[in-house]
Amino acid sequence: MKIATLQLAPKLGDLQGNIEKANGLLKSNKLGSAGAATPDILVLPEMALTGYNFPSLEAVKPYLEPVGGGPSASWARETAKRLKCKVCRLRKPPQSTDQTTYYNSLLVVDERGEVIHNYRKSFLYYTDETWAAEGQVERGFKELAIQEQQVATSFGICMDINPYKFEAPFDKWEFASRVLDSKTQLVILSMAWLTLLSREELDALKYKPEMDTFNYWLQRFWPLLQKRMKHEIDIDGKTGSPKKVVIVFANRAGEEPPADETKSEARYAGTSAIIAVTQKPRSGSEQDSESSDDEELPFDVKILCWDLLGAAEEGVCFADTTADPKMVFAIKKSK
């Protein structure tokens, strides 16, 4: 499968300017050009076309859209048809008939430009809480038809991978546990993940990833390193060993004004990545398929990374999951 993410630094409230920037980055990276690799799916960061750090409902209202409607949805449909791929992009839409309840949502459109899924963020950041209601985690799973295969896909938006409200135990791993239980093959995360780095520190990194952020993201998927993956066929149609779950971290870059005078500027970590966690039973340790789901099995675990963008970089993160990864990380075994 070919997967792309678009990492950009949108300007808050500049919808048309952000659309033009997105189109320019896709063009400069030759997505959709003759002879260039065309993705099966394109994932945008959270609020990629509007900006994220709106201070109130009144501030965000001009950018709210009904499901499948509005300029950003039109952009997604047109881009999906042009690239002949699925497009996942974040939006701030009204979802109820009385227009009084709003959700931070992830819209998925197919190659024909038709809406096929709409996931609502279930763990809200304080900025979301000024205008949005919580979604249902049950909406975070769908099978996507890609390359004549049904791909079990889990969706999340930024904070969803954290312990719920930071009140749940850190090691409950709610999101990652749902990935395993649903036999997910592909995880799509659309993010506006912040960093504590200063502007100068981000500028110094620019084309280098913010590794503290990247390592934390990996940590939130710890169960995939410890418990048996339950799916039989991976996203490339392969069976047997090793098994893998592909994870797409689609984050944004740049900075935005503070939501109010008590806050500082919002700076984002970039570092978009497309990885896979793989499990391969060690020689002689293959266990019966009826083994307990809770039983930790003696796997050799590796993390494959096809692409990893810098903290302040704008561009396309791309992976062909049938090709060799650029980097492979092994898990150090404890003694």
C-alpha atoms as a PDB file:
ATOM      1  CA  MET A   1       0.000   0.000   0.000  1.00  0.00           C
ATOM      2  CA  LYS A   2       1.143   3.535  -0.744  1.00  0.00           C
ATOM      3  CA  ILE A   3       0.439   6.093   1.977  1.00  0.00           C
ATOM      4  CA  ALA A   4       1.131   9.829   2.092  1.00  0.00           C
ATOM      5  CA  THR A   5       0.754  12.509   4.739  1.00  0.00           C
ATOM      6  CA  LEU A   6       0.888  16.233   4.112  1.00  0.00           C
ATOM      7  CA  GLN A   7       2.761  18.113   6.817  1.00  0.00           C
ATOM      8  CA  LEU A   8       2.209  21.855   6.638  1.00  0.00           C
ATOM      9  CA  ALA A   9       2.080  24.949   8.831  1.00  0.00           C
ATOM     10  CA  PRO A  10      -1.370  26.457   8.226  1.00  0.00           C
ATOM     11  CA  LYS A  11      -2.263  30.011   9.190  1.00  0.00           C
ATOM     12  CA  LEU A  12      -5.117  30.259  11.678  1.00  0.00           C
ATOM     13  CA  GLY A  13      -8.359  31.225   9.926  1.00  0.00           C
ATOM     14  CA  ASP A  14      -6.832  31.553   6.446  1.00  0.00           C
ATOM     15  CA  LEU A  15      -8.829  28.802   4.743  1.00  0.00           C
ATOM     16  CA  GLN A  16      -8.148  29.850   1.159  1.00  0.00           C
ATOM     17  CA  GLY A  17      -4.474  30.506   1.807  1.00  0.00           C
ATOM     18  CA  ASN A  18      -4.077  27.133   3.505  1.00  0.00           C
ATOM     19  CA  ILE A  19      -5.800  25.375   0.598  1.00  0.00           C
ATOM     20  CA  GLU A  20      -3.405  27.064  -1.811  1.00  0.00           C
ATOM     21  CA  LYS A  21      -0.455  26.043   0.358  1.00  0.00           C
ATOM     22  CA  ALA A  22      -1.670  22.418   0.502  1.00  0.00           C
ATOM     23  CA  ASN A  23      -2.066  22.323  -3.275  1.00  0.00           C
ATOM     24  CA  GLY A  24       1.378  23.828  -3.736  1.00  0.00           C
ATOM     25  CA  LEU A  25       3.032  21.269  -1.466  1.00  0.00           C
ATOM     26  CA  LEU A  26       1.292  18.375  -3.219  1.00  0.00           C
ATOM     27  CA  LYS A  27       2.377  19.757  -6.580  1.00  0.00           C
ATOM     28  CA  SER A  28       5.970  20.430  -5.537  1.00  0.00           C
ATOM     29  CA  ASN A  29       6.207  16.886  -4.193  1.00  0.00           C
ATOM     30  CA  LYS A  30       4.757  15.626  -7.495  1.00  0.00           C
ATOM     31  CA  LEU A  31       1.855  13.717  -5.986  1.00  0.00           C
ATOM     32  CA  GLY A  32      -0.491  12.936  -8.840  1.00  0.00           C
ATOM     33  CA  SER A  33       2.073  13.927 -11.506  1.00  0.00           C
ATOM     34  CA  ALA A  34       2.728  11.701 -14.489  1.00  0.00           C
ATOM     35  CA  GLY A  35       5.262   9.015 -13.616  1.00  0.00           C
ATOM     36  CA  ALA A  36       5.181   9.835  -9.901  1.00  0.00           C
ATOM     37  CA  ALA A  37       4.015   7.507  -7.163  1.00  0.00           C
ATOM     38  CA  THR A  38       0.318   7.921  -6.398  1.00  0.00           C
ATOM     39  CA  PRO A  39      -0.831   7.153  -2.854  1.00  0.00           C
ATOM     40  CA  ASP A  40      -3.752   4.892  -2.048  1.00  0.00           C
ATOM     41  CA  ILE A  41      -4.536   7.162   0.880  1.00  0.00           C
ATOM     42  CA  LEU A  42      -3.585  10.740   1.807  1.00  0.00           C
ATOM     43  CA  VAL A  43      -3.795  11.843   5.460  1.00  0.00           C
ATOM     44  CA  LEU A  44      -3.850  15.472   6.585  1.00  0.00           C
ATOM     45  CA  PRO A  45      -3.092  16.850  10.056  1.00  0.00           C
ATOM     46  CA  GLU A  46      -5.799  17.989  12.456  1.00  0.00           C
ATOM     47  CA  MET A  47      -7.443  21.233  11.248  1.00  0.00           C
ATOM     48  CA  ALA A  48      -4.928  21.407   8.397  1.00  0.00           C
ATOM     49  CA  LEU A  49      -6.990  23.822   6.277  1.00  0.00           C
ATOM     50  CA  THR A  50      -8.329  26.129   8.997  1.00  0.00           C
ATOM     51  CA  GLY A  51      -5.681  26.118  11.694  1.00  0.00           C
ATOM     52  CA  TYR A  52      -6.397  24.692  15.122  1.00  0.00           C
ATOM     53  CA  ASN A  53      -5.956  27.091  18.040  1.00  0.00           C
ATOM     54  CA  PHE A  54      -9.293  28.929  17.948  1.00  0.00           C
ATOM     55  CA  PRO A  55     -10.079  30.510  21.343  1.00  0.00           C
ATOM     56  CA  SER A  56     -13.867  30.080  21.365  1.00  0.00           C
ATOM     57  CA  LEU A  57     -16.992  28.818  19.606  1.00  0.00           C
ATOM     58  CA  GLU A  58     -17.591  32.279  18.157  1.00  0.00           C
ATOM     59  CA  ALA A  59     -14.089  32.311  16.663  1.00  0.00           C
ATOM     60  CA  VAL A  60     -14.440  28.905  15.024  1.00  0.00           C
ATOM     61  CA  LYS A  61     -18.057  29.269  13.861  1.00  0.00           C
ATOM     62  CA  PRO A  62     -17.208  30.768  10.445  1.00  0.00           C
ATOM     63  CA  TYR A  63     -15.275  27.578   9.631  1.00  0.00           C
ATOM     64  CA  LEU A  64     -17.810  24.985  10.776  1.00  0.00           C
ATOM     65  CA  GLU A  65     -19.130  22.738   8.023  1.00  0.00           C
ATOM     66  CA  PRO A  66     -21.870  20.136   7.687  1.00  0.00           C
ATOM     67  CA  VAL A  67     -20.677  16.607   6.948  1.00  0.00           C
ATOM     68  CA  GLY A  68     -19.433  16.514   3.360  1.00  0.00           C
ATOM     69  CA  GLY A  69     -20.173  20.208   2.794  1.00  0.00           C
ATOM     70  CA  GLY A  70     -18.179  23.420   2.724  1.00  0.00           C
ATOM     71  CA  PRO A  71     -14.931  24.477   1.035  1.00  0.00           C
ATOM     72  CA  SER A  72     -12.575  22.119   2.871  1.00  0.00           C
ATOM     73  CA  ALA A  73     -14.798  19.112   2.108  1.00  0.00           C
ATOM     74  CA  SER A  74     -14.890  20.232  -1.521  1.00  0.00           C
ATOM     75  CA  TRP A  75     -11.085  20.352  -1.512  1.00  0.00           C
ATOM     76  CA  ALA A  76     -10.945  16.810  -0.118  1.00  0.00           C
ATOM     77  CA  ARG A  77     -13.346  15.492  -2.767  1.00  0.00           C
ATOM     78  CA  GLU A  78     -11.520  17.214  -5.621  1.00  0.00           C
ATOM     79  CA  THR A  79      -8.114  16.069  -4.372  1.00  0.00           C
ATOM     80  CA  ALA A  80      -9.306  12.475  -3.918  1.00  0.00           C
ATOM     81  CA  LYS A  81     -10.658  12.365  -7.465  1.00  0.00           C
ATOM     82  CA  ARG A  82      -7.545  14.009  -8.906  1.00  0.00           C
ATOM     83  CA  LEU A  83      -5.100  11.708  -7.093  1.00  0.00           C
ATOM     84  CA  LYS A  84      -7.447   8.706  -7.341  1.00  0.00           C
ATOM     85  CA  CYS A  85      -6.932   7.986  -3.660  1.00  0.00           C
ATOM     86  CA  LYS A  86      -8.751   8.211  -0.362  1.00  0.00           C
ATOM     87  CA  VAL A  87      -8.322  11.461   1.560  1.00  0.00           C
ATOM     88  CA  CYS A  88      -8.567  11.792   5.350  1.00  0.00           C
ATOM     89  CA  ARG A  89      -8.722  15.330   6.609  1.00  0.00           C
ATOM     90  CA  LEU A  90      -9.793  17.023   9.832  1.00  0.00           C
ATOM     91  CA  ARG A  91     -12.527  19.572  10.129  1.00  0.00           C
ATOM     92  CA  LYS A  92     -14.652  21.371  12.710  1.00  0.00           C
ATOM     93  CA  PRO A  93     -18.214  20.591  11.592  1.00  0.00           C
ATOM     94  CA  PRO A  94     -21.707  20.856  13.002  1.00  0.00           C
ATOM     95  CA  GLN A  95     -23.060  17.329  13.229  1.00  0.00           C
ATOM     96  CA  SER A  96     -26.554  17.685  14.720  1.00  0.00           C
ATOM     97  CA  THR A  97     -29.821  18.755  13.102  1.00  0.00           C
ATOM     98  CA  ASP A  98     -30.344  21.580  15.586  1.00  0.00           C
ATOM     99  CA  GLN A  99     -26.864  22.965  14.895  1.00  0.00           C
ATOM    100  CA  THR A 100     -26.113  23.352  18.604  1.00  0.00           C
ATOM    101  CA  THR A 101     -23.780  20.379  19.028  1.00  0.00           C
ATOM    102  CA  TYR A 102     -20.413  20.348  17.296  1.00  0.00           C
ATOM    103  CA  TYR A 103     -17.644  17.780  16.942  1.00  0.00           C
ATOM    104  CA  ASN A 104     -14.012  17.823  15.929  1.00  0.00           C
ATOM    105  CA  SER A 105     -14.199  15.259  13.141  1.00  0.00           C
ATOM    106  CA  LEU A 106     -12.121  13.291  10.696  1.00  0.00           C
ATOM    107  CA  LEU A 107     -13.780  13.004   7.283  1.00  0.00           C
ATOM    108  CA  VAL A 108     -12.811  10.219   4.876  1.00  0.00           C
ATOM    109  CA  VAL A 109     -13.677  10.484   1.185  1.00  0.00           C
ATOM    110  CA  ASP A 110     -13.036   7.830  -1.441  1.00  0.00           C
ATOM    111  CA  GLU A 111     -11.565   7.985  -4.937  1.00  0.00           C
ATOM    112  CA  ARG A 112     -14.922   9.117  -6.349  1.00  0.00           C
ATOM    113  CA  GLY A 113     -15.121  11.970  -3.858  1.00  0.00           C
ATOM    114  CA  GLU A 114     -17.866  10.334  -1.817  1.00  0.00           C
ATOM    115  CA  VAL A 115     -17.943  10.517   1.977  1.00  0.00           C
ATOM    116  CA  ILE A 116     -17.398   7.027   3.413  1.00  0.00           C
ATOM    117  CA  HIS A 117     -16.652   7.715   7.082  1.00  0.00           C
ATOM    118  CA  ASN A 118     -16.757  10.449   9.709  1.00  0.00           C
ATOM    119  CA  TYR A 119     -14.945   9.915  13.012  1.00  0.00           C
ATOM    120  CA  ARG A 120     -15.460  12.292  15.961  1.00  0.00           C
ATOM    121  CA  LYS A 121     -12.624  13.062  18.373  1.00  0.00           C
ATOM    122  CA  SER A 122     -13.334  11.353  21.701  1.00  0.00           C
ATOM    123  CA  PHE A 123     -10.637  12.838  23.995  1.00  0.00           C
ATOM    124  CA  LEU A 124     -10.778  16.617  23.735  1.00  0.00           C
ATOM    125  CA  TYR A 125      -7.949  19.045  24.344  1.00  0.00           C
ATOM    126  CA  TYR A 126      -8.852  22.160  26.358  1.00  0.00           C
ATOM    127  CA  THR A 127      -9.053  24.151  23.104  1.00  0.00           C
ATOM    128  CA  ASP A 128     -11.668  21.708  21.760  1.00  0.00           C
ATOM    129  CA  GLU A 129     -13.645  21.909  24.983  1.00  0.00           C
ATOM    130  CA  THR A 130     -14.535  25.549  24.313  1.00  0.00           C
ATOM    131  CA  TRP A 131     -16.834  24.477  21.460  1.00  0.00           C
ATOM    132  CA  ALA A 132     -16.881  20.700  20.786  1.00  0.00           C
ATOM    133  CA  ALA A 133     -18.653  17.685  22.263  1.00  0.00           C
ATOM    134  CA  GLU A 134     -16.999  14.305  22.748  1.00  0.00           C
ATOM    135  CA  GLY A 135     -17.416  11.701  20.051  1.00  0.00           C
ATOM    136  CA  GLN A 136     -17.848   7.964  20.484  1.00  0.00           C
ATOM    137  CA  VAL A 137     -14.826   5.687  20.356  1.00  0.00           C
ATOM    138  CA  GLU A 138     -16.966   3.067  18.588  1.00  0.00           C
ATOM    139  CA  ARG A 139     -16.859   5.256  15.465  1.00  0.00           C
ATOM    140  CA  GLY A 140     -13.079   4.951  15.393  1.00  0.00           C
ATOM    141  CA  PHE A 141     -13.031   1.753  13.348  1.00  0.00           C
ATOM    142  CA  LYS A 142     -13.947   0.999   9.738  1.00  0.00           C
ATOM    143  CA  GLU A 143     -12.903  -1.377   6.993  1.00  0.00           C
ATOM    144  CA  LEU A 144     -11.589   0.554   3.995  1.00  0.00           C
ATOM    145  CA  ALA A 145     -11.631  -0.940   0.501  1.00  0.00           C
ATOM    146  CA  ILE A 146      -8.079  -0.431  -0.791  1.00  0.00           C
ATOM    147  CA  GLN A 147      -6.561  -2.302  -3.733  1.00  0.00           C
ATOM    148  CA  GLU A 148      -9.413  -4.817  -3.798  1.00  0.00           C
ATOM    149  CA  GLN A 149      -8.877  -5.617  -0.143  1.00  0.00           C
ATOM    150  CA  GLN A 150     -10.835  -4.740   2.983  1.00  0.00           C
ATOM    151  CA  VAL A 151      -8.354  -3.073   5.331  1.00  0.00           C
ATOM    152  CA  ALA A 152      -9.332  -2.967   9.017  1.00  0.00           C
ATOM    153  CA  THR A 153      -8.567   0.628   9.991  1.00  0.00           C
ATOM    154  CA  SER A 154      -8.556   2.434  13.329  1.00  0.00           C
ATOM    155  CA  PHE A 155      -8.880   6.225  13.365  1.00  0.00           C
ATOM    156  CA  GLY A 156      -7.744   8.662  16.023  1.00  0.00           C
ATOM    157  CA  ILE A 157      -7.334  12.396  16.420  1.00  0.00           C
ATOM    158  CA  CYS A 158      -4.291  13.610  18.341  1.00  0.00           C
ATOM    159  CA  MET A 159      -5.224  13.389  22.060  1.00  0.00           C
ATOM    160  CA  ASP A 160      -7.112  10.124  21.505  1.00  0.00           C
ATOM    161  CA  ILE A 161      -3.915   8.124  22.048  1.00  0.00           C
ATOM    162  CA  ASN A 162      -3.399   9.559  25.550  1.00  0.00           C
ATOM    163  CA  PRO A 163      -4.900   8.182  28.776  1.00  0.00           C
ATOM    164  CA  TYR A 164      -8.485   9.475  28.832  1.00  0.00           C
ATOM    165  CA  LYS A 165      -8.557  12.921  30.505  1.00  0.00           C
ATOM    166  CA  PHE A 166      -5.178  11.908  31.978  1.00  0.00           C
ATOM    167  CA  GLU A 167      -7.210  10.244  34.714  1.00  0.00           C
ATOM    168  CA  ALA A 168      -7.027   6.717  33.303  1.00  0.00           C
ATOM    169  CA  PRO A 169      -3.910   4.724  34.277  1.00  0.00           C
ATOM    170  CA  PHE A 170      -1.012   5.454  31.938  1.00  0.00           C
ATOM    171  CA  ASP A 171      -0.655   1.740  31.206  1.00  0.00           C
ATOM    172  CA  LYS A 172      -4.299   1.099  30.374  1.00  0.00           C
ATOM    173  CA  TRP A 173      -3.397   1.872  26.736  1.00  0.00           C
ATOM    174  CA  GLU A 174      -7.051   2.424  25.722  1.00  0.00           C
ATOM    175  CA  PHE A 175      -6.394   3.311  22.072  1.00  0.00           C
ATOM    176  CA  ALA A 176      -3.709   0.693  21.434  1.00  0.00           C
ATOM    177  CA  SER A 177      -5.816  -1.991  23.113  1.00  0.00           C
ATOM    178  CA  ARG A 178      -8.703  -1.188  20.744  1.00  0.00           C
ATOM    179  CA  VAL A 179      -6.281  -1.517  17.834  1.00  0.00           C
ATOM    180  CA  LEU A 180      -5.421  -5.050  18.923  1.00  0.00           C
ATOM    181  CA  ASP A 181      -8.956  -6.085  19.841  1.00  0.00           C
ATOM    182  CA  SER A 182     -10.372  -4.908  16.503  1.00  0.00           C
ATOM    183  CA  LYS A 183      -7.713  -6.794  14.498  1.00  0.00           C
ATOM    184  CA  THR A 184      -6.643  -3.499  12.975  1.00  0.00           C
ATOM    185  CA  GLN A 185      -4.158  -3.557  10.096  1.00  0.00           C
ATOM    186  CA  LEU A 186      -3.843   0.220   9.580  1.00  0.00           C
ATOM    187  CA  VAL A 187      -3.922   3.068  12.133  1.00  0.00           C
ATOM    188  CA  ILE A 188      -4.573   6.627  10.928  1.00  0.00           C
ATOM    189  CA  LEU A 189      -3.804   9.445  13.357  1.00  0.00           C
ATOM    190  CA  SER A 190      -4.487  13.040  12.335  1.00  0.00           C
ATOM    191  CA  MET A 191      -2.747  15.383  14.749  1.00  0.00           C
ATOM    192  CA  ALA A 192      -2.029  18.918  15.902  1.00  0.00           C
ATOM    193  CA  TRP A 193       0.499  17.761  18.478  1.00  0.00           C
ATOM    194  CA  LEU A 194       2.241  20.477  20.450  1.00  0.00           C
ATOM    195  CA  THR A 195       5.866  20.751  21.479  1.00  0.00           C
ATOM    196  CA  LEU A 196       7.474  22.525  24.423  1.00  0.00           C
ATOM    197  CA  LEU A 197      10.467  23.497  22.314  1.00  0.00           C
ATOM    198  CA  SER A 198      11.088  27.182  21.713  1.00  0.00           C
ATOM    199  CA  ARG A 199      10.862  28.719  18.259  1.00  0.00           C
ATOM    200  CA  GLU A 200      14.645  28.883  18.121  1.00  0.00           C
ATOM    201  CA  GLU A 201      14.963  25.211  19.027  1.00  0.00           C
ATOM    202  CA  LEU A 202      12.438  24.246  16.355  1.00  0.00           C
ATOM    203  CA  ASP A 203      14.223  26.359  13.758  1.00  0.00           C
ATOM    204  CA  ALA A 204      17.482  24.629  14.673  1.00  0.00           C
ATOM    205  CA  LEU A 205      15.877  21.225  14.139  1.00  0.00           C
ATOM    206  CA  LYS A 206      13.760  22.047  11.075  1.00  0.00           C
ATOM    207  CA  TYR A 207      14.607  18.992   8.957  1.00  0.00           C
ATOM    208  CA  LYS A 208      15.266  16.759  11.964  1.00  0.00           C
ATOM    209  CA  PRO A 209      12.455  15.033  13.879  1.00  0.00           C
ATOM    210  CA  GLU A 210      11.527  15.953  17.440  1.00  0.00           C
ATOM    211  CA  MET A 211      12.527  12.608  18.918  1.00  0.00           C
ATOM    212  CA  ASP A 212      10.974  13.099  22.363  1.00  0.00           C
ATOM    213  CA  THR A 213       7.594  13.426  20.646  1.00  0.00           C
ATOM    214  CA  PHE A 214       8.240  10.474  18.331  1.00  0.00           C
ATOM    215  CA  ASN A 215       9.306   8.259  21.226  1.00  0.00           C
ATOM    216  CA  TYR A 216       6.206   9.192  23.217  1.00  0.00           C
ATOM    217  CA  TRP A 217       3.948   8.283  20.281  1.00  0.00           C
ATOM    218  CA  LEU A 218       5.616   4.883  20.077  1.00  0.00           C
ATOM    219  CA  GLN A 219       5.227   4.413  23.820  1.00  0.00           C
ATOM    220  CA  ARG A 220       1.468   4.845  23.522  1.00  0.00           C
ATOM    221  CA  PHE A 221       1.401   1.711  21.339  1.00  0.00           C
ATOM    222  CA  TRP A 222       3.223  -0.481  23.851  1.00  0.00           C
ATOM    223  CA  PRO A 223       0.653  -3.347  23.702  1.00  0.00           C
ATOM    224  CA  LEU A 224       1.585  -3.942  20.049  1.00  0.00           C
ATOM    225  CA  LEU A 225       5.071  -4.754  21.271  1.00  0.00           C
ATOM    226  CA  GLN A 226       3.870  -7.062  24.027  1.00  0.00           C
ATOM    227  CA  LYS A 227       0.738  -8.939  22.960  1.00  0.00           C
ATOM    228  CA  ARG A 228      -0.110 -11.124  20.019  1.00  0.00           C
ATOM    229  CA  MET A 229      -1.534  -9.337  16.986  1.00  0.00           C
ATOM    230  CA  LYS A 230      -4.872 -10.890  16.129  1.00  0.00           C
ATOM    231  CA  HIS A 231      -5.291 -10.175  12.415  1.00  0.00           C
ATOM    232  CA  GLU A 232      -4.416 -12.883   9.894  1.00  0.00           C
ATOM    233  CA  ILE A 233      -3.822 -10.756   6.772  1.00  0.00           C
ATOM    234  CA  ASP A 234      -1.826  -7.526   6.729  1.00  0.00           C
ATOM    235  CA  ILE A 235      -2.542  -4.443   4.617  1.00  0.00           C
ATOM    236  CA  ASP A 236      -0.456  -5.785   1.742  1.00  0.00           C
ATOM    237  CA  GLY A 237      -2.464  -9.017   1.610  1.00  0.00           C
ATOM    238  CA  LYS A 238       0.257 -11.128   3.219  1.00  0.00           C
ATOM    239  CA  THR A 239      -0.400 -13.885   5.719  1.00  0.00           C
ATOM    240  CA  GLY A 240       1.861 -15.623   8.191  1.00  0.00           C
ATOM    241  CA  SER A 241       4.954 -14.178   9.821  1.00  0.00           C
ATOM    242  CA  PRO A 242       5.943 -11.495  10.502  1.00  0.00           C
ATOM    243  CA  LYS A 243       2.672  -9.753  11.248  1.00  0.00           C
ATOM    244  CA  LYS A 244       2.538  -5.977  11.137  1.00  0.00           C
ATOM    245  CA  VAL A 245       0.338  -3.027  12.017  1.00  0.00           C
ATOM    246  CA  VAL A 246       1.024   0.129  10.003  1.00  0.00           C
ATOM    247  CA  ILE A 247       0.659   3.429  11.898  1.00  0.00           C
ATOM    248  CA  VAL A 248       0.390   6.848  10.235  1.00  0.00           C
ATOM    249  CA  PHE A 249       1.293   9.865  12.397  1.00  0.00           C
ATOM    250  CA  ALA A 250       0.107  12.899  10.395  1.00  0.00           C
ATOM    251  CA  ASN A 251       1.123  15.956  12.389  1.00  0.00           C
ATOM    252  CA  ARG A 252       1.350  19.633  11.509  1.00  0.00           C
ATOM    253  CA  ALA A 253       4.185  22.125  11.910  1.00  0.00           C
ATOM    254  CA  GLY A 254       4.411  25.848  12.621  1.00  0.00           C
ATOM    255  CA  GLU A 255       2.929  27.987  15.357  1.00  0.00           C
ATOM    256  CA  GLU A 256      -0.267  29.900  16.092  1.00  0.00           C
ATOM    257  CA  PRO A 257      -1.260  32.818  18.350  1.00  0.00           C
ATOM    258  CA  PRO A 258      -2.211  32.018  21.945  1.00  0.00           C
ATOM    259  CA  ALA A 259      -5.875  31.170  22.581  1.00  0.00           C
ATOM    260  CA  ASP A 260      -6.003  33.854  25.294  1.00  0.00           C
ATOM    261  CA  GLU A 261      -3.689  36.132  27.256  1.00  0.00           C
ATOM    262  CA  THR A 262      -3.014  33.412  29.838  1.00  0.00           C
ATOM    263  CA  LYS A 263      -1.531  31.074  27.232  1.00  0.00           C
ATOM    264  CA  SER A 264       1.663  31.089  25.242  1.00  0.00           C
ATOM    265  CA  GLU A 265       1.994  30.621  21.508  1.00  0.00           C
ATOM    266  CA  ALA A 266       0.996  27.193  20.257  1.00  0.00           C
ATOM    267  CA  ARG A 267       3.993  25.510  18.613  1.00  0.00           C
ATOM    268  CA  TYR A 268       3.625  22.175  16.851  1.00  0.00           C
ATOM    269  CA  ALA A 269       6.051  19.246  16.760  1.00  0.00           C
ATOM    270  CA  GLY A 270       5.884  18.199  13.096  1.00  0.00           C
ATOM    271  CA  THR A 271       7.745  14.848  12.930  1.00  0.00           C
ATOM    272  CA  SER A 272       5.092  13.128  10.789  1.00  0.00           C
ATOM    273  CA  ALA A 273       5.962   9.468  10.292  1.00  0.00           C
ATOM    274  CA  ILE A 274       4.748   6.275   8.665  1.00  0.00           C
ATOM    275  CA  ILE A 275       5.844   3.191  10.562  1.00  0.00           C
ATOM    276  CA  ALA A 276       4.916  -0.425  11.196  1.00  0.00           C
ATOM    277  CA  VAL A 277       5.219  -2.542  14.304  1.00  0.00           C
ATOM    278  CA  THR A 278       6.110  -6.115  13.349  1.00  0.00           C
ATOM    279  CA  GLN A 279       5.965  -9.325  15.359  1.00  0.00           C
ATOM    280  CA  LYS A 280       7.846 -12.475  14.454  1.00  0.00           C
ATOM    281  CA  PRO A 281       7.789 -15.469  16.820  1.00  0.00           C
ATOM    282  CA  ARG A 282      11.265 -16.569  17.787  1.00  0.00           C
ATOM    283  CA  SER A 283      12.486 -19.857  16.436  1.00  0.00           C
ATOM    284  CA  GLY A 284      10.802 -22.788  18.181  1.00  0.00           C
ATOM    285  CA  SER A 285       8.368 -20.610  20.097  1.00  0.00           C
ATOM    286  CA  GLU A 286       5.374 -20.546  17.742  1.00  0.00           C
ATOM    287  CA  GLN A 287       2.326 -21.051  19.908  1.00  0.00           C
ATOM    288  CA  ASP A 288      -1.106 -22.421  19.190  1.00  0.00           C
ATOM    289  CA  SER A 289      -3.664 -19.928  17.872  1.00  0.00           C
ATOM    290  CA  GLU A 290      -5.884 -20.733  20.852  1.00  0.00           C
ATOM    291  CA  SER A 291      -3.386 -19.225  23.301  1.00  0.00           C
ATOM    292  CA  SER A 292      -4.817 -16.696  25.727  1.00  0.00           C
ATOM    293  CA  ASP A 293      -5.126 -13.189  24.297  1.00  0.00           C
ATOM    294  CA  ASP A 294      -3.622 -11.822  27.495  1.00  0.00           C
ATOM    295  CA  GLU A 295      -0.597 -14.072  27.355  1.00  0.00           C
ATOM    296  CA  GLU A 296       2.663 -12.349  26.465  1.00  0.00           C
ATOM    297  CA  LEU A 297       4.376 -14.307  23.708  1.00  0.00           C
ATOM    298  CA  PRO A 298       8.118 -14.450  22.966  1.00  0.00           C
ATOM    299  CA  PHE A 299       8.167 -12.317  19.817  1.00  0.00           C
ATOM    300  CA  ASP A 300      10.986 -10.566  18.085  1.00  0.00           C
ATOM    301  CA  VAL A 301       9.586  -7.074  17.621  1.00  0.00           C
ATOM    302  CA  LYS A 302      10.840  -4.451  15.200  1.00  0.00           C
ATOM    303  CA  ILE A 303       9.639  -1.016  14.226  1.00  0.00           C
ATOM    304  CA  LEU A 304       9.922  -0.237  10.527  1.00  0.00           C
ATOM    305  CA  CYS A 305      10.004   3.404   9.459  1.00  0.00           C
ATOM    306  CA  TRP A 306       9.539   4.368   5.818  1.00  0.00           C
ATOM    307  CA  ASP A 307       9.595   8.133   6.278  1.00  0.00           C
ATOM    308  CA  LEU A 308      10.060  10.634   9.112  1.00  0.00           C
ATOM    309  CA  LEU A 309       9.796  14.398   8.593  1.00  0.00           C
ATOM    310  CA  GLY A 310      11.480  17.193  10.482  1.00  0.00           C
ATOM    311  CA  ALA A 311       9.995  19.222  13.320  1.00  0.00           C
ATOM    312  CA  ALA A 312       9.578  22.412  11.279  1.00  0.00           C
ATOM    313  CA  GLU A 313       9.490  20.904   7.805  1.00  0.00           C
ATOM    314  CA  GLU A 314       6.647  21.293   5.317  1.00  0.00           C
ATOM    315  CA  GLY A 315       6.187  18.582   2.729  1.00  0.00           C
ATOM    316  CA  VAL A 316       4.971  15.073   2.022  1.00  0.00           C
ATOM    317  CA  CYS A 317       5.737  12.013   4.129  1.00  0.00           C
ATOM    318  CA  PHE A 318       5.455   8.954   1.869  1.00  0.00           C
ATOM    319  CA  ALA A 319       5.595   5.187   2.279  1.00  0.00           C
ATOM    320  CA  ASP A 320       5.267   2.172   0.037  1.00  0.00           C
ATOM    321  CA  THR A 321       4.674  -0.521   2.639  1.00  0.00           C
ATOM    322  CA  THR A 322       5.768  -3.244   0.201  1.00  0.00           C
ATOM    323  CA  ALA A 323       9.226  -1.640  -0.092  1.00  0.00           C
ATOM    324  CA  ASP A 324      12.129  -1.805   2.331  1.00  0.00           C
ATOM    325  CA  PRO A 325      11.891   0.813   5.102  1.00  0.00           C
ATOM    326  CA  LYS A 326      14.465   3.583   5.454  1.00  0.00           C
ATOM    327  CA  MET A 327      15.032   2.725   9.123  1.00  0.00           C
ATOM    328  CA  VAL A 328      14.503  -0.297  11.365  1.00  0.00           C
ATOM    329  CA  PHE A 329      14.399  -0.060  15.148  1.00  0.00           C
ATOM    330  CA  ALA A 330      14.853  -3.172  17.287  1.00  0.00           C
ATOM    331  CA  ILE A 331      13.480  -3.436  20.817  1.00  0.00           C
ATOM    332  CA  LYS A 332      16.221  -3.947  23.378  1.00  0.00           C
ATOM    333  CA  LYS A 333      15.412  -6.995  25.494  1.00  0.00           C
ATOM    334  CA  SER A 334      15.527  -6.497  29.241  1.00  0.00           C
ATOM    335  CA  LYS A 335      17.760  -8.842  31.208  1.00  0.00           C
END
